[in-house]
Amino acid sequence: MEYIVINQCTNLKEKEYTKYFNQIYKKTKKILKLEKKYSLSIIFVDDQMIKVINRDYRQLDKATDVISFAALDNAQSFELEQAEIELGDIFISIEAIERQALEYQHSIQREASFLFTHGLLHLLGYDHQKKADEDVMFSLQDTILNDINNK
């Protein structure tokens, strides 16, 4: 997987947040039996910016922790014959990472890993609008993160 990290925050140490992303991607690819090469962008923003994005694109005028914008509309699109398939963009709020890490009493790396995994699954077509879909997606998140070495 190739990913581009775009930092729109000051004083961000990217490796602190992205340390486990390759492990997560490889495990996700194995579990979901994905055979193609994929690329995506990860954009780190603050609460103010993610609130604007949430308001403009989802009509929810509040900050959130992660928002994904898939480049492909449905699972059939993954069958395209391309050398590398662009999945889309994951916007993650740095302030949410820090706040939620404290709230859930785990590390910043663990929270960043969770939000990246959540966003990645959205880019791969998973959702949690219905209870059955939520159960599938959240179970996958747990399985993917289960043995990733962050606390």
N, C-alpha and C. Protein backbone atom coordinates (compact mmCIF):
# COMPACT_ATOMS: atom_id res chain seq x y z
N MET A 1 0.85 -1.17 0.00
CA MET A 1 0.00 0.00 0.00
C MET A 1 0.89 1.23 0.00
N GLU A 2 0.48 2.14 -0.77
CA GLU A 2 1.12 3.44 -0.73
C GLU A 2 0.14 4.41 -0.11
N TYR A 3 0.64 5.21 0.81
CA TYR A 3 -0.22 6.25 1.32
C TYR A 3 0.57 7.53 1.45
N ILE A 4 -0.14 8.59 1.26
CA ILE A 4 0.43 9.92 1.40
C ILE A 4 -0.13 10.49 2.68
N VAL A 5 0.75 11.04 3.52
CA VAL A 5 0.31 11.70 4.74
C VAL A 5 0.40 13.21 4.50
N ILE A 6 -0.70 13.86 4.71
CA ILE A 6 -0.76 15.31 4.59
C ILE A 6 -1.01 15.87 5.98
N ASN A 7 -0.12 16.69 6.44
CA ASN A 7 -0.22 17.25 7.78
C ASN A 7 -0.69 18.69 7.71
N GLN A 8 -1.89 18.95 8.19
CA GLN A 8 -2.40 20.31 8.22
C GLN A 8 -2.40 20.85 9.65
N CYS A 9 -1.60 20.25 10.51
CA CYS A 9 -1.50 20.66 11.91
C CYS A 9 -0.05 21.06 12.21
N THR A 10 0.10 21.98 13.14
CA THR A 10 1.45 22.38 13.54
C THR A 10 1.98 21.42 14.59
N ASN A 11 3.28 21.26 14.62
CA ASN A 11 3.96 20.43 15.63
C ASN A 11 3.52 18.97 15.63
N LEU A 12 3.14 18.43 14.51
CA LEU A 12 2.73 17.03 14.44
C LEU A 12 3.94 16.17 14.09
N LYS A 13 4.18 15.16 14.89
CA LYS A 13 5.23 14.17 14.60
C LYS A 13 4.53 12.97 13.96
N GLU A 14 4.59 12.90 12.65
CA GLU A 14 3.82 11.91 11.89
C GLU A 14 4.06 10.48 12.34
N LYS A 15 5.29 10.11 12.56
CA LYS A 15 5.60 8.72 12.92
C LYS A 15 4.92 8.30 14.22
N GLU A 16 4.70 9.26 15.11
CA GLU A 16 4.00 8.99 16.36
C GLU A 16 2.58 8.48 16.07
N TYR A 17 2.00 8.94 14.99
CA TYR A 17 0.62 8.60 14.64
C TYR A 17 0.52 7.49 13.61
N THR A 18 1.53 7.37 12.74
CA THR A 18 1.43 6.44 11.62
C THR A 18 2.25 5.16 11.81
N LYS A 19 2.85 5.01 12.96
CA LYS A 19 3.78 3.91 13.22
C LYS A 19 3.22 2.53 12.85
N TYR A 20 1.95 2.31 13.09
CA TYR A 20 1.36 0.98 12.89
C TYR A 20 0.49 0.86 11.63
N PHE A 21 0.40 1.92 10.84
CA PHE A 21 -0.51 1.89 9.70
C PHE A 21 -0.18 0.80 8.68
N ASN A 22 1.10 0.55 8.41
CA ASN A 22 1.46 -0.51 7.46
C ASN A 22 1.06 -1.88 7.97
N GLN A 23 1.27 -2.13 9.26
CA GLN A 23 0.84 -3.41 9.85
C GLN A 23 -0.67 -3.58 9.73
N ILE A 24 -1.40 -2.51 10.00
CA ILE A 24 -2.86 -2.56 9.92
C ILE A 24 -3.30 -2.85 8.50
N TYR A 25 -2.68 -2.16 7.54
CA TYR A 25 -3.03 -2.38 6.14
C TYR A 25 -2.76 -3.83 5.73
N LYS A 26 -1.58 -4.34 6.07
CA LYS A 26 -1.23 -5.72 5.68
C LYS A 26 -2.19 -6.73 6.30
N LYS A 27 -2.54 -6.52 7.55
CA LYS A 27 -3.47 -7.44 8.20
C LYS A 27 -4.87 -7.33 7.58
N THR A 28 -5.31 -6.12 7.29
CA THR A 28 -6.60 -5.91 6.64
C THR A 28 -6.63 -6.59 5.29
N LYS A 29 -5.57 -6.41 4.52
CA LYS A 29 -5.48 -7.01 3.19
C LYS A 29 -5.55 -8.54 3.27
N LYS A 30 -4.89 -9.12 4.27
CA LYS A 30 -4.90 -10.57 4.44
C LYS A 30 -6.29 -11.06 4.87
N ILE A 31 -6.88 -10.42 5.85
CA ILE A 31 -8.20 -10.84 6.35
C ILE A 31 -9.27 -10.73 5.27
N LEU A 32 -9.23 -9.64 4.51
CA LEU A 32 -10.25 -9.42 3.47
C LEU A 32 -9.88 -10.04 2.13
N LYS A 33 -8.70 -10.68 2.08
CA LYS A 33 -8.23 -11.34 0.86
C LYS A 33 -8.18 -10.38 -0.33
N LEU A 34 -7.59 -9.22 -0.09
CA LEU A 34 -7.44 -8.21 -1.13
C LEU A 34 -6.13 -8.49 -1.86
N GLU A 35 -6.19 -8.62 -3.17
CA GLU A 35 -5.01 -9.00 -3.93
C GLU A 35 -4.37 -7.87 -4.71
N LYS A 36 -5.10 -6.80 -4.93
CA LYS A 36 -4.57 -5.68 -5.70
C LYS A 36 -3.71 -4.78 -4.81
N LYS A 37 -3.02 -3.84 -5.46
CA LYS A 37 -2.29 -2.81 -4.74
C LYS A 37 -3.22 -1.60 -4.62
N TYR A 38 -3.21 -0.99 -3.43
CA TYR A 38 -4.09 0.13 -3.17
C TYR A 38 -3.28 1.32 -2.67
N SER A 39 -3.83 2.51 -2.90
CA SER A 39 -3.22 3.72 -2.36
C SER A 39 -4.32 4.58 -1.75
N LEU A 40 -3.91 5.44 -0.84
CA LEU A 40 -4.86 6.34 -0.19
C LEU A 40 -4.11 7.51 0.40
N SER A 41 -4.86 8.51 0.81
CA SER A 41 -4.29 9.67 1.48
C SER A 41 -4.83 9.74 2.90
N ILE A 42 -3.95 10.11 3.82
CA ILE A 42 -4.33 10.34 5.21
C ILE A 42 -4.03 11.81 5.48
N ILE A 43 -5.07 12.54 5.86
CA ILE A 43 -4.92 13.96 6.11
C ILE A 43 -5.19 14.23 7.58
N PHE A 44 -4.18 14.71 8.29
CA PHE A 44 -4.34 15.07 9.69
C PHE A 44 -4.78 16.53 9.78
N VAL A 45 -5.90 16.75 10.46
CA VAL A 45 -6.47 18.08 10.60
C VAL A 45 -6.78 18.33 12.08
N ASP A 46 -7.24 19.54 12.37
CA ASP A 46 -7.67 19.85 13.73
C ASP A 46 -9.21 19.76 13.80
N ASP A 47 -9.75 19.93 14.99
CA ASP A 47 -11.21 19.83 15.17
C ASP A 47 -11.96 20.86 14.34
N GLN A 48 -11.42 22.05 14.24
CA GLN A 48 -12.09 23.10 13.48
C GLN A 48 -12.24 22.70 12.01
N MET A 49 -11.16 22.19 11.42
CA MET A 49 -11.21 21.80 10.00
C MET A 49 -12.14 20.61 9.78
N ILE A 50 -12.09 19.62 10.66
CA ILE A 50 -12.94 18.45 10.46
C ILE A 50 -14.41 18.81 10.66
N LYS A 51 -14.67 19.81 11.49
CA LYS A 51 -16.05 20.29 11.67
C LYS A 51 -16.56 20.91 10.37
N VAL A 52 -15.71 21.70 9.71
CA VAL A 52 -16.08 22.31 8.43
C VAL A 52 -16.35 21.23 7.38
N ILE A 53 -15.48 20.23 7.33
CA ILE A 53 -15.65 19.14 6.36
C ILE A 53 -16.94 18.38 6.66
N ASN A 54 -17.18 18.08 7.92
CA ASN A 54 -18.38 17.36 8.34
C ASN A 54 -19.64 18.16 7.98
N ARG A 55 -19.59 19.47 8.22
CA ARG A 55 -20.73 20.34 7.90
C ARG A 55 -20.96 20.40 6.39
N ASP A 56 -19.90 20.61 5.63
CA ASP A 56 -20.04 20.82 4.18
C ASP A 56 -20.41 19.55 3.43
N TYR A 57 -19.93 18.39 3.88
CA TYR A 57 -20.14 17.16 3.13
C TYR A 57 -21.17 16.22 3.74
N ARG A 58 -21.40 16.34 5.04
CA ARG A 58 -22.35 15.43 5.69
C ARG A 58 -23.51 16.17 6.34
N GLN A 59 -23.50 17.49 6.22
CA GLN A 59 -24.52 18.35 6.80
C GLN A 59 -24.67 18.14 8.31
N LEU A 60 -23.57 17.86 8.99
CA LEU A 60 -23.52 17.72 10.44
C LEU A 60 -22.56 18.78 10.97
N ASP A 61 -23.09 19.80 11.61
CA ASP A 61 -22.29 20.94 12.04
C ASP A 61 -21.65 20.68 13.39
N LYS A 62 -20.75 19.68 13.40
CA LYS A 62 -20.01 19.36 14.63
C LYS A 62 -18.72 18.66 14.23
N ALA A 63 -17.76 18.74 15.15
CA ALA A 63 -16.49 18.05 14.92
C ALA A 63 -16.71 16.55 15.09
N THR A 64 -15.91 15.78 14.40
CA THR A 64 -15.91 14.33 14.53
C THR A 64 -14.45 13.88 14.58
N ASP A 65 -14.23 12.58 14.73
CA ASP A 65 -12.84 12.12 14.84
C ASP A 65 -12.23 11.70 13.51
N VAL A 66 -13.03 11.09 12.63
CA VAL A 66 -12.52 10.61 11.35
C VAL A 66 -13.62 10.69 10.30
N ILE A 67 -13.24 11.07 9.09
CA ILE A 67 -14.16 11.10 7.95
C ILE A 67 -13.42 10.49 6.77
N SER A 68 -14.09 9.60 6.06
CA SER A 68 -13.50 8.97 4.88
C SER A 68 -14.27 9.36 3.63
N PHE A 69 -13.54 9.58 2.56
CA PHE A 69 -14.13 9.85 1.26
C PHE A 69 -13.60 8.81 0.28
N ALA A 70 -14.46 7.86 -0.07
CA ALA A 70 -14.05 6.78 -0.96
C ALA A 70 -13.97 7.27 -2.40
N ALA A 71 -12.94 6.85 -3.09
CA ALA A 71 -12.79 7.18 -4.51
C ALA A 71 -13.68 6.29 -5.37
N LEU A 72 -14.01 5.11 -4.84
CA LEU A 72 -14.84 4.15 -5.57
C LEU A 72 -16.20 4.06 -4.90
N ASP A 73 -17.23 3.88 -5.72
CA ASP A 73 -18.59 3.89 -5.19
C ASP A 73 -19.08 2.56 -4.65
N ASN A 74 -18.60 1.45 -5.20
CA ASN A 74 -19.13 0.16 -4.75
C ASN A 74 -18.09 -0.93 -4.91
N ALA A 75 -18.39 -2.08 -4.38
CA ALA A 75 -17.45 -3.20 -4.37
C ALA A 75 -17.04 -3.62 -5.79
N GLN A 76 -17.93 -3.47 -6.77
CA GLN A 76 -17.60 -3.86 -8.14
C GLN A 76 -16.42 -3.04 -8.67
N SER A 77 -16.29 -1.83 -8.18
CA SER A 77 -15.20 -0.97 -8.64
C SER A 77 -13.84 -1.55 -8.30
N PHE A 78 -13.77 -2.43 -7.31
CA PHE A 78 -12.50 -3.02 -6.91
C PHE A 78 -12.00 -4.04 -7.93
N GLU A 79 -12.82 -4.36 -8.90
CA GLU A 79 -12.43 -5.33 -9.92
C GLU A 79 -11.73 -4.68 -11.11
N LEU A 80 -11.52 -3.39 -11.05
CA LEU A 80 -10.86 -2.69 -12.15
C LEU A 80 -9.47 -3.25 -12.38
N GLU A 81 -9.07 -3.29 -13.63
CA GLU A 81 -7.73 -3.79 -13.96
C GLU A 81 -6.76 -2.62 -13.98
N GLN A 82 -6.25 -2.28 -12.82
CA GLN A 82 -5.28 -1.22 -12.69
C GLN A 82 -4.11 -1.74 -11.87
N ALA A 83 -2.95 -1.14 -12.09
CA ALA A 83 -1.78 -1.55 -11.31
C ALA A 83 -1.98 -1.20 -9.84
N GLU A 84 -2.58 -0.05 -9.58
CA GLU A 84 -2.83 0.38 -8.22
C GLU A 84 -4.18 1.09 -8.18
N ILE A 85 -4.98 0.78 -7.20
CA ILE A 85 -6.31 1.34 -7.09
C ILE A 85 -6.32 2.39 -5.98
N GLU A 86 -6.76 3.58 -6.33
CA GLU A 86 -6.88 4.67 -5.36
C GLU A 86 -8.16 4.47 -4.56
N LEU A 87 -8.01 4.29 -3.24
CA LEU A 87 -9.17 4.08 -2.37
C LEU A 87 -9.86 5.38 -1.99
N GLY A 88 -9.10 6.43 -1.74
CA GLY A 88 -9.70 7.70 -1.34
C GLY A 88 -8.90 8.38 -0.25
N ASP A 89 -9.61 9.17 0.56
CA ASP A 89 -8.97 9.99 1.59
C ASP A 89 -9.56 9.71 2.96
N ILE A 90 -8.68 9.71 3.96
CA ILE A 90 -9.11 9.60 5.35
C ILE A 90 -8.65 10.86 6.07
N PHE A 91 -9.60 11.63 6.59
CA PHE A 91 -9.30 12.81 7.39
C PHE A 91 -9.42 12.41 8.86
N ILE A 92 -8.36 12.69 9.63
CA ILE A 92 -8.34 12.33 11.05
C ILE A 92 -8.01 13.58 11.86
N SER A 93 -8.82 13.84 12.88
CA SER A 93 -8.58 14.96 13.77
C SER A 93 -7.54 14.59 14.82
N ILE A 94 -6.44 15.34 14.85
CA ILE A 94 -5.39 15.14 15.83
C ILE A 94 -5.92 15.40 17.24
N GLU A 95 -6.73 16.44 17.37
CA GLU A 95 -7.29 16.76 18.68
C GLU A 95 -8.19 15.64 19.18
N ALA A 96 -8.95 15.01 18.28
CA ALA A 96 -9.79 13.88 18.68
C ALA A 96 -8.93 12.69 19.12
N ILE A 97 -7.82 12.46 18.41
CA ILE A 97 -6.92 11.36 18.81
C ILE A 97 -6.47 11.58 20.25
N GLU A 98 -6.00 12.77 20.53
CA GLU A 98 -5.47 13.06 21.86
C GLU A 98 -6.56 12.99 22.93
N ARG A 99 -7.71 13.57 22.63
CA ARG A 99 -8.84 13.59 23.58
C ARG A 99 -9.35 12.17 23.86
N GLN A 100 -9.53 11.39 22.81
CA GLN A 100 -10.09 10.05 22.96
C GLN A 100 -9.08 9.08 23.57
N ALA A 101 -7.80 9.28 23.31
CA ALA A 101 -6.78 8.44 23.96
C ALA A 101 -6.86 8.62 25.47
N LEU A 102 -6.99 9.86 25.91
CA LEU A 102 -7.16 10.11 27.35
C LEU A 102 -8.46 9.52 27.87
N GLU A 103 -9.54 9.75 27.14
CA GLU A 103 -10.85 9.27 27.57
C GLU A 103 -10.88 7.74 27.71
N TYR A 104 -10.30 7.04 26.74
CA TYR A 104 -10.33 5.57 26.75
C TYR A 104 -9.11 4.96 27.45
N GLN A 105 -8.24 5.82 27.94
CA GLN A 105 -7.06 5.41 28.70
C GLN A 105 -6.15 4.45 27.92
N HIS A 106 -5.87 4.83 26.70
CA HIS A 106 -4.86 4.11 25.93
C HIS A 106 -3.97 5.11 25.20
N SER A 107 -3.01 4.61 24.48
CA SER A 107 -2.00 5.48 23.87
C SER A 107 -2.54 6.22 22.65
N ILE A 108 -1.80 7.26 22.30
CA ILE A 108 -2.11 8.01 21.08
C ILE A 108 -1.98 7.10 19.87
N GLN A 109 -0.96 6.24 19.86
CA GLN A 109 -0.79 5.30 18.74
C GLN A 109 -1.99 4.38 18.61
N ARG A 110 -2.52 3.91 19.73
CA ARG A 110 -3.68 3.01 19.70
C ARG A 110 -4.90 3.73 19.13
N GLU A 111 -5.12 4.97 19.56
CA GLU A 111 -6.28 5.72 19.06
C GLU A 111 -6.11 6.06 17.58
N ALA A 112 -4.91 6.48 17.19
CA ALA A 112 -4.65 6.76 15.77
C ALA A 112 -4.85 5.50 14.94
N SER A 113 -4.40 4.36 15.45
CA SER A 113 -4.56 3.08 14.74
C SER A 113 -6.04 2.72 14.59
N PHE A 114 -6.80 2.93 15.65
CA PHE A 114 -8.24 2.65 15.59
C PHE A 114 -8.91 3.53 14.54
N LEU A 115 -8.63 4.83 14.56
CA LEU A 115 -9.28 5.73 13.61
C LEU A 115 -8.85 5.44 12.18
N PHE A 116 -7.58 5.10 11.98
CA PHE A 116 -7.12 4.72 10.64
C PHE A 116 -7.84 3.46 10.17
N THR A 117 -7.94 2.46 11.03
CA THR A 117 -8.62 1.21 10.68
C THR A 117 -10.08 1.47 10.34
N HIS A 118 -10.73 2.28 11.14
CA HIS A 118 -12.13 2.63 10.91
C HIS A 118 -12.29 3.31 9.54
N GLY A 119 -11.42 4.29 9.28
CA GLY A 119 -11.48 4.98 8.00
C GLY A 119 -11.16 4.08 6.82
N LEU A 120 -10.17 3.20 6.98
CA LEU A 120 -9.80 2.26 5.92
C LEU A 120 -10.96 1.33 5.59
N LEU A 121 -11.63 0.83 6.60
CA LEU A 121 -12.78 -0.06 6.33
C LEU A 121 -13.89 0.69 5.61
N HIS A 122 -14.10 1.95 5.94
CA HIS A 122 -15.08 2.75 5.19
C HIS A 122 -14.66 2.85 3.72
N LEU A 123 -13.38 3.10 3.46
CA LEU A 123 -12.91 3.20 2.08
C LEU A 123 -13.09 1.88 1.33
N LEU A 124 -13.06 0.78 2.05
CA LEU A 124 -13.23 -0.54 1.45
C LEU A 124 -14.69 -0.96 1.36
N GLY A 125 -15.60 -0.04 1.70
CA GLY A 125 -17.03 -0.30 1.49
C GLY A 125 -17.81 -0.71 2.72
N TYR A 126 -17.19 -0.74 3.88
CA TYR A 126 -17.90 -1.12 5.10
C TYR A 126 -18.57 0.10 5.71
N ASP A 127 -19.69 -0.14 6.40
CA ASP A 127 -20.45 0.94 7.00
C ASP A 127 -21.06 0.46 8.30
N HIS A 128 -21.63 1.38 9.06
CA HIS A 128 -22.26 1.01 10.33
C HIS A 128 -23.59 1.73 10.52
N GLN A 129 -24.29 1.93 9.41
CA GLN A 129 -25.60 2.58 9.47
C GLN A 129 -26.67 1.65 10.05
N LYS A 130 -26.57 0.38 9.74
CA LYS A 130 -27.51 -0.62 10.25
C LYS A 130 -26.79 -1.50 11.26
N LYS A 131 -27.52 -2.02 12.23
CA LYS A 131 -26.94 -2.82 13.31
C LYS A 131 -26.14 -4.01 12.76
N ALA A 132 -26.67 -4.71 11.78
CA ALA A 132 -25.97 -5.88 11.22
C ALA A 132 -24.65 -5.46 10.57
N ASP A 133 -24.66 -4.33 9.84
CA ASP A 133 -23.44 -3.83 9.22
C ASP A 133 -22.44 -3.35 10.27
N GLU A 134 -22.96 -2.72 11.32
CA GLU A 134 -22.12 -2.26 12.43
C GLU A 134 -21.41 -3.45 13.08
N ASP A 135 -22.16 -4.53 13.31
CA ASP A 135 -21.57 -5.72 13.94
C ASP A 135 -20.41 -6.26 13.10
N VAL A 136 -20.60 -6.31 11.79
CA VAL A 136 -19.56 -6.81 10.89
C VAL A 136 -18.34 -5.89 10.93
N MET A 137 -18.58 -4.59 10.78
CA MET A 137 -17.48 -3.64 10.71
C MET A 137 -16.71 -3.58 12.03
N PHE A 138 -17.41 -3.53 13.13
CA PHE A 138 -16.74 -3.42 14.43
C PHE A 138 -16.00 -4.70 14.79
N SER A 139 -16.53 -5.82 14.37
CA SER A 139 -15.84 -7.09 14.58
C SER A 139 -14.54 -7.13 13.78
N LEU A 140 -14.61 -6.65 12.54
CA LEU A 140 -13.40 -6.57 11.71
C LEU A 140 -12.36 -5.64 12.35
N GLN A 141 -12.80 -4.50 12.85
CA GLN A 141 -11.88 -3.57 13.52
C GLN A 141 -11.17 -4.28 14.67
N ASP A 142 -11.93 -4.99 15.49
CA ASP A 142 -11.34 -5.69 16.63
C ASP A 142 -10.33 -6.74 16.17
N THR A 143 -10.69 -7.48 15.14
CA THR A 143 -9.81 -8.54 14.62
C THR A 143 -8.52 -7.93 14.07
N ILE A 144 -8.64 -6.86 13.32
CA ILE A 144 -7.48 -6.21 12.71
C ILE A 144 -6.55 -5.66 13.78
N LEU A 145 -7.11 -5.03 14.79
CA LEU A 145 -6.30 -4.36 15.81
C LEU A 145 -5.84 -5.30 16.92
N ASN A 146 -6.37 -6.50 16.95
CA ASN A 146 -6.16 -7.43 18.05
C ASN A 146 -4.70 -7.60 18.45
N ASP A 147 -3.83 -7.86 17.51
CA ASP A 147 -2.44 -8.10 17.89
C ASP A 147 -1.45 -7.06 17.34
N ILE A 148 -1.98 -5.91 16.94
CA ILE A 148 -1.10 -4.82 16.55
C ILE A 148 -0.48 -4.30 17.84
N ASN A 149 0.82 -4.14 17.84
CA ASN A 149 1.56 -3.86 19.07
C ASN A 149 1.47 -2.40 19.51
N ASN A 150 0.28 -2.00 19.94
CA ASN A 150 0.15 -0.68 20.56
C ASN A 150 -0.84 -0.79 21.70
N LYS A 151 -0.65 -0.04 22.70
CA LYS A 151 -1.48 -0.17 23.92
C LYS A 151 -2.38 1.03 24.09
